[in-house]
Amino acid sequence: MQKAISTFGVSVDTRSGMSRLAAVLYRWQQRMQEREHLGMLDERLLKDIGLTRLQALSEVRKPFWRA
């Protein structure tokens, strides 16, 4: 286990931190792709999933870090 001392003198598992960071970056990438694909759906497909064009655009315009 790799450990590092933080500025507060607390021992921190750096691998765990890196794993969490990788998971967050992966989720952000997924969100960007999902929103891009949502923006490409036509009216018929949006209706199938129960969204209006306005709702889809609202989601597409969100920054990737916002759920």
Protein backbone atom coordinates (compact mmCIF):
# COMPACT_ATOMS: atom_id res chain seq x y z
CA MET A 1 0.00 0.00 0.00
CA GLN A 2 1.41 3.38 -0.95
CA LYS A 3 0.94 6.06 1.64
CA ALA A 4 1.61 9.73 1.58
CA ILE A 5 1.44 12.35 4.27
CA SER A 6 -1.06 15.08 3.53
CA THR A 7 -0.56 18.69 4.54
CA PHE A 8 -2.57 17.94 7.70
CA GLY A 9 -0.25 15.12 8.74
CA VAL A 10 -2.84 12.45 8.03
CA SER A 11 -1.75 9.26 6.32
CA VAL A 12 -3.61 8.78 3.04
CA ASP A 13 -3.74 5.75 0.75
CA THR A 14 -2.65 7.24 -2.60
CA ARG A 15 -3.79 4.24 -4.67
CA SER A 16 -7.27 4.60 -3.28
CA GLY A 17 -7.20 8.29 -4.16
CA MET A 18 -6.01 7.53 -7.68
CA SER A 19 -8.74 4.92 -8.11
CA ARG A 20 -11.39 7.41 -7.05
CA LEU A 21 -9.96 10.02 -9.40
CA ALA A 22 -9.95 7.55 -12.29
CA ALA A 23 -13.58 6.63 -11.52
CA VAL A 24 -14.63 10.29 -11.52
CA LEU A 25 -12.83 11.00 -14.79
CA TYR A 26 -14.41 7.93 -16.37
CA ARG A 27 -17.89 9.00 -15.22
CA TRP A 28 -17.37 12.50 -16.61
CA GLN A 29 -16.34 11.04 -19.96
CA GLN A 30 -19.47 8.84 -19.96
CA ARG A 31 -21.67 11.85 -19.23
CA MET A 32 -20.15 13.83 -22.09
CA GLN A 33 -20.76 10.95 -24.53
CA GLU A 34 -24.29 10.28 -23.29
CA ARG A 35 -25.24 13.94 -23.59
CA GLU A 36 -23.71 14.14 -27.05
CA HIS A 37 -25.76 11.12 -28.14
CA LEU A 38 -28.90 12.54 -26.52
CA GLY A 39 -28.45 15.69 -28.58
CA MET A 40 -28.45 13.61 -31.77
CA LEU A 41 -31.77 11.86 -31.14
CA ASP A 42 -34.68 12.78 -33.39
CA GLU A 43 -38.17 13.68 -32.15
CA ARG A 44 -39.47 10.12 -32.48
CA LEU A 45 -36.68 8.66 -30.34
CA LEU A 46 -37.01 11.42 -27.76
CA LYS A 47 -40.72 10.67 -27.53
CA ASP A 48 -39.91 6.97 -27.02
CA ILE A 49 -37.82 7.79 -23.95
CA GLY A 50 -40.32 10.34 -22.68
CA LEU A 51 -38.38 13.55 -23.31
CA THR A 52 -39.19 16.69 -25.23
CA ARG A 53 -36.58 18.44 -27.37
CA LEU A 54 -36.42 21.20 -24.75
CA GLN A 55 -35.71 18.70 -21.94
CA ALA A 56 -33.03 17.00 -24.04
CA LEU A 57 -31.36 20.33 -24.85
CA SER A 58 -31.43 21.28 -21.19
CA GLU A 59 -29.54 18.08 -20.36
CA VAL A 60 -27.12 18.44 -23.29
CA ARG A 61 -26.16 21.96 -22.19
CA LYS A 62 -25.16 20.91 -18.68
CA PRO A 63 -21.42 20.86 -17.97
CA PHE A 64 -19.98 17.35 -17.73
CA TRP A 65 -19.26 17.65 -14.01
CA ARG A 66 -22.94 18.29 -13.19
CA ALA A 67 -25.12 15.24 -12.71
